[in-house]
Every structure is written in C-alpha cells, then in structure tokens.
Amino acid sequence: MNYAVSRYVRQMDSGLSSKDVEIDSFKRANNLLLNAGTVDERRSALRINYMMWSILTRGVDRTDNLLPDLLKKDLISLGGWVMNFSNAALNDSSDLQPLIDINRDMIDGLNQSKEVAQQKSERHDGVFGMAV
C-alpha cells in the first residue's frame, strides 16, 4: 500500500469523519503546492495531489457511492482534469494556482456539506430521528 493510501486509512481509523479526512487531505496537498520551493518539492507536491485525486475519483466511481449521479460525473471529470494538469506540470513550470484553487473549492464544498449535515442532525432527537 502506498504512503498516501496508508495515511488516508490511518486517518479514517482515527475517529475523524470521512469529510474531515478529505478536508485535511486537500489542505495538506495545498500546503505542499503552495510551499514547493524546489523542483523536487514541486514534483512531490504534484505527485501527492495526483494521488489524492486518483483516490477520490476511484471512491466516487464505486457502485456503493451514494452521491448523486451528476455530482459523481462532475467530480470524475474534474479529477481527470486535475490529474492531467498535475502530470503536465511535472514537466514544465506551469503555475500551480489552478490546482490550489480547485482544492480550495473542494474544501469549501466539503465544509458546507458538513455544516448542513450537522444542522440536520441537531434538529433530530433520539435514536428514531424524531424532529424536535
């Protein structure tokens, strides 16, 4: 198992929600992309960003994934673009800002989704989910 996947699995075992793990992963990738000062750091950041998006798109494409079909298609399409851009940026000096912006958008979307889920759970009481 590669390092990125093993780290993801360890975080899942830490008691964090899947959204928290995903938010943390996007933040870590952005931190690496933003602070890549050398060619080696840049390549490492791009590889990690690529692996993260590869894991995400494989998860989205699973038959047991409950996301709406349109959102799945959009995420897979976006993931393909990100992975292609990351690969191309390994061989040139492309600005990494588009990757950083997309990752920030993902963080924002996951945070909003998490807030909505928390609000819904706060409106329910007890095991049977009766509204209060």
C-alpha atoms as a PDB file:
ATOM      1  CA  MET A   1       0.000   0.000   0.000  1.00  0.00           C
ATOM      2  CA  ASN A   2       1.480   3.373  -0.928  1.00  0.00           C
ATOM      3  CA  TYR A   3       2.087   6.083   1.652  1.00  0.00           C
ATOM      4  CA  ALA A   4      -0.847   8.305   0.663  1.00  0.00           C
ATOM      5  CA  VAL A   5      -3.367   5.475   0.876  1.00  0.00           C
ATOM      6  CA  SER A   6      -1.958   4.172   4.164  1.00  0.00           C
ATOM      7  CA  ARG A   7      -2.102   7.678   5.642  1.00  0.00           C
ATOM      8  CA  TYR A   8      -5.734   8.020   4.491  1.00  0.00           C
ATOM      9  CA  VAL A   9      -6.611   4.670   6.101  1.00  0.00           C
ATOM     10  CA  ARG A  10      -4.878   5.675   9.354  1.00  0.00           C
ATOM     11  CA  GLN A  11      -6.846   8.918   9.438  1.00  0.00           C
ATOM     12  CA  MET A  12     -10.088   7.034   8.863  1.00  0.00           C
ATOM     13  CA  ASP A  13      -9.200   4.855  11.876  1.00  0.00           C
ATOM     14  CA  SER A  14      -8.540   7.964  13.992  1.00  0.00           C
ATOM     15  CA  GLY A  15     -12.228   8.669  14.554  1.00  0.00           C
ATOM     16  CA  LEU A  16     -12.388  11.587  12.138  1.00  0.00           C
ATOM     17  CA  SER A  17     -15.357  11.719   9.802  1.00  0.00           C
ATOM     18  CA  SER A  18     -14.694  10.984   6.143  1.00  0.00           C
ATOM     19  CA  LYS A  19     -15.357  14.647   5.333  1.00  0.00           C
ATOM     20  CA  ASP A  20     -12.792  15.734   7.932  1.00  0.00           C
ATOM     21  CA  VAL A  21     -10.219  13.358   6.437  1.00  0.00           C
ATOM     22  CA  GLU A  22     -10.942  14.668   2.936  1.00  0.00           C
ATOM     23  CA  ILE A  23     -10.748  18.298   4.070  1.00  0.00           C
ATOM     24  CA  ASP A  24      -7.436  17.574   5.789  1.00  0.00           C
ATOM     25  CA  SER A  25      -6.116  15.850   2.658  1.00  0.00           C
ATOM     26  CA  PHE A  26      -6.973  18.821   0.432  1.00  0.00           C
ATOM     27  CA  LYS A  27      -5.418  21.232   2.952  1.00  0.00           C
ATOM     28  CA  ARG A  28      -2.211  19.181   3.124  1.00  0.00           C
ATOM     29  CA  ALA A  29      -1.982  18.970  -0.667  1.00  0.00           C
ATOM     30  CA  ASN A  30      -2.487  22.729  -0.973  1.00  0.00           C
ATOM     31  CA  ASN A  31       0.128  23.399   1.681  1.00  0.00           C
ATOM     32  CA  LEU A  32       2.627  21.332  -0.296  1.00  0.00           C
ATOM     33  CA  LEU A  33       1.687  23.013  -3.587  1.00  0.00           C
ATOM     34  CA  LEU A  34       1.930  26.485  -2.061  1.00  0.00           C
ATOM     35  CA  ASN A  35       5.280  25.849  -0.376  1.00  0.00           C
ATOM     36  CA  ALA A  36       7.030  23.933  -3.143  1.00  0.00           C
ATOM     37  CA  GLY A  37      10.217  25.954  -3.447  1.00  0.00           C
ATOM     38  CA  THR A  38      12.441  23.482  -5.238  1.00  0.00           C
ATOM     39  CA  VAL A  39      11.912  21.302  -8.291  1.00  0.00           C
ATOM     40  CA  ASP A  40      11.874  18.193  -6.085  1.00  0.00           C
ATOM     41  CA  GLU A  41       9.302  19.729  -3.702  1.00  0.00           C
ATOM     42  CA  ARG A  42       7.166  20.744  -6.664  1.00  0.00           C
ATOM     43  CA  ARG A  43       7.272  17.245  -8.137  1.00  0.00           C
ATOM     44  CA  SER A  44       6.488  15.685  -4.776  1.00  0.00           C
ATOM     45  CA  ALA A  45       3.537  18.060  -4.239  1.00  0.00           C
ATOM     46  CA  LEU A  46       2.196  17.335  -7.724  1.00  0.00           C
ATOM     47  CA  ARG A  47       2.503  13.580  -7.211  1.00  0.00           C
ATOM     48  CA  ILE A  48       0.668  13.779  -3.898  1.00  0.00           C
ATOM     49  CA  ASN A  49      -2.046  15.955  -5.412  1.00  0.00           C
ATOM     50  CA  TYR A  50      -2.369  13.469  -8.280  1.00  0.00           C
ATOM     51  CA  MET A  51      -2.627  10.503  -5.887  1.00  0.00           C
ATOM     52  CA  MET A  52      -5.203  12.267  -3.727  1.00  0.00           C
ATOM     53  CA  TRP A  53      -7.410  12.991  -6.741  1.00  0.00           C
ATOM     54  CA  SER A  54      -6.895   9.466  -8.036  1.00  0.00           C
ATOM     55  CA  ILE A  55      -8.129   8.045  -4.717  1.00  0.00           C
ATOM     56  CA  LEU A  56     -11.060  10.481  -4.733  1.00  0.00           C
ATOM     57  CA  THR A  57     -12.178   9.620  -8.264  1.00  0.00           C
ATOM     58  CA  ARG A  58     -11.922   5.885  -7.585  1.00  0.00           C
ATOM     59  CA  GLY A  59     -14.090   6.350  -4.491  1.00  0.00           C
ATOM     60  CA  VAL A  60     -16.630   8.442  -6.367  1.00  0.00           C
ATOM     61  CA  ASP A  61     -16.815   5.823  -9.124  1.00  0.00           C
ATOM     62  CA  ARG A  62     -17.672   2.984  -6.718  1.00  0.00           C
ATOM     63  CA  THR A  63     -21.119   1.458  -7.198  1.00  0.00           C
ATOM     64  CA  ASP A  64     -21.893   1.846  -3.480  1.00  0.00           C
ATOM     65  CA  ASN A  65     -21.173   5.603  -3.524  1.00  0.00           C
ATOM     66  CA  LEU A  66     -24.365   7.448  -2.577  1.00  0.00           C
ATOM     67  CA  LEU A  67     -23.556  10.791  -4.202  1.00  0.00           C
ATOM     68  CA  PRO A  68     -25.998  11.959  -6.884  1.00  0.00           C
ATOM     69  CA  ASP A  69     -25.015  10.738 -10.364  1.00  0.00           C
ATOM     70  CA  LEU A  70     -24.497  14.261 -11.740  1.00  0.00           C
ATOM     71  CA  LEU A  71     -22.128  15.143  -8.890  1.00  0.00           C
ATOM     72  CA  LYS A  72     -20.226  11.882  -9.433  1.00  0.00           C
ATOM     73  CA  LYS A  73     -19.800  12.682 -13.140  1.00  0.00           C
ATOM     74  CA  ASP A  74     -18.653  16.225 -12.363  1.00  0.00           C
ATOM     75  CA  LEU A  75     -16.127  15.052  -9.759  1.00  0.00           C
ATOM     76  CA  ILE A  76     -14.736  12.366 -12.061  1.00  0.00           C
ATOM     77  CA  SER A  77     -14.429  14.898 -14.883  1.00  0.00           C
ATOM     78  CA  LEU A  78     -12.775  17.442 -12.594  1.00  0.00           C
ATOM     79  CA  GLY A  79     -10.478  14.765 -11.198  1.00  0.00           C
ATOM     80  CA  GLY A  80      -9.420  13.804 -14.710  1.00  0.00           C
ATOM     81  CA  TRP A  81      -8.578  17.413 -15.486  1.00  0.00           C
ATOM     82  CA  VAL A  82      -6.634  17.810 -12.222  1.00  0.00           C
ATOM     83  CA  MET A  83      -4.648  14.628 -12.817  1.00  0.00           C
ATOM     84  CA  ASN A  84      -3.840  15.634 -16.423  1.00  0.00           C
ATOM     85  CA  PHE A  85      -2.793  19.121 -15.313  1.00  0.00           C
ATOM     86  CA  SER A  86      -0.678  17.673 -12.476  1.00  0.00           C
ATOM     87  CA  ASN A  87       1.074  15.302 -14.884  1.00  0.00           C
ATOM     88  CA  ALA A  88       1.758  18.076 -17.383  1.00  0.00           C
ATOM     89  CA  ALA A  89       3.040  20.396 -14.631  1.00  0.00           C
ATOM     90  CA  LEU A  90       5.634  17.786 -13.675  1.00  0.00           C
ATOM     91  CA  ASN A  91       7.418  18.542 -16.939  1.00  0.00           C
ATOM     92  CA  ASP A  92       7.104  22.302 -17.156  1.00  0.00           C
ATOM     93  CA  SER A  93       6.838  25.367 -14.970  1.00  0.00           C
ATOM     94  CA  SER A  94       3.057  25.831 -15.139  1.00  0.00           C
ATOM     95  CA  ASP A  95       1.509  27.968 -12.441  1.00  0.00           C
ATOM     96  CA  LEU A  96       0.023  25.677  -9.770  1.00  0.00           C
ATOM     97  CA  GLN A  97      -2.669  28.185  -8.788  1.00  0.00           C
ATOM     98  CA  PRO A  98      -5.455  26.402 -10.735  1.00  0.00           C
ATOM     99  CA  LEU A  99      -4.829  23.231  -8.689  1.00  0.00           C
ATOM    100  CA  ILE A 100      -4.743  25.214  -5.459  1.00  0.00           C
ATOM    101  CA  ASP A 101      -7.992  26.982  -6.365  1.00  0.00           C
ATOM    102  CA  ILE A 102      -9.775  23.716  -7.172  1.00  0.00           C
ATOM    103  CA  ASN A 103      -8.585  22.160  -3.920  1.00  0.00           C
ATOM    104  CA  ARG A 104      -9.826  25.237  -2.012  1.00  0.00           C
ATOM    105  CA  ASP A 105     -13.200  24.933  -3.720  1.00  0.00           C
ATOM    106  CA  MET A 106     -13.340  21.292  -2.626  1.00  0.00           C
ATOM    107  CA  ILE A 107     -12.504  22.298   0.958  1.00  0.00           C
ATOM    108  CA  ASP A 108     -15.251  24.929   0.900  1.00  0.00           C
ATOM    109  CA  GLY A 109     -17.782  22.477  -0.538  1.00  0.00           C
ATOM    110  CA  LEU A 110     -16.921  19.780   1.997  1.00  0.00           C
ATOM    111  CA  ASN A 111     -17.145  22.291   4.861  1.00  0.00           C
ATOM    112  CA  GLN A 112     -20.566  23.486   3.669  1.00  0.00           C
ATOM    113  CA  SER A 113     -21.764  19.907   3.291  1.00  0.00           C
ATOM    114  CA  LYS A 114     -20.508  19.114   6.796  1.00  0.00           C
ATOM    115  CA  GLU A 115     -22.328  22.142   8.237  1.00  0.00           C
ATOM    116  CA  VAL A 116     -25.603  21.144   6.563  1.00  0.00           C
ATOM    117  CA  ALA A 117     -25.284  17.598   7.921  1.00  0.00           C
ATOM    118  CA  GLN A 118     -24.594  18.947  11.424  1.00  0.00           C
ATOM    119  CA  GLN A 119     -27.617  21.246  11.236  1.00  0.00           C
ATOM    120  CA  LYS A 120     -29.826  18.348  10.178  1.00  0.00           C
ATOM    121  CA  SER A 121     -28.585  16.128  12.992  1.00  0.00           C
ATOM    122  CA  GLU A 122     -29.134  18.913  15.548  1.00  0.00           C
ATOM    123  CA  ARG A 123     -32.805  19.030  14.554  1.00  0.00           C
ATOM    124  CA  HIS A 124     -33.318  15.378  15.444  1.00  0.00           C
ATOM    125  CA  ASP A 125     -33.614  13.802  18.820  1.00  0.00           C
ATOM    126  CA  GLY A 126     -33.070  10.242  19.941  1.00  0.00           C
ATOM    127  CA  VAL A 127     -32.485   7.030  18.149  1.00  0.00           C
ATOM    128  CA  PHE A 128     -35.547   7.293  15.946  1.00  0.00           C
ATOM    129  CA  GLY A 129     -34.554  10.671  14.498  1.00  0.00           C
ATOM    130  CA  MET A 130     -37.735  12.394  15.634  1.00  0.00           C
ATOM    131  CA  ALA A 131     -37.701  16.091  14.844  1.00  0.00           C
ATOM    132  CA  VAL A 132     -37.683  18.424  17.818  1.00  0.00           C
END
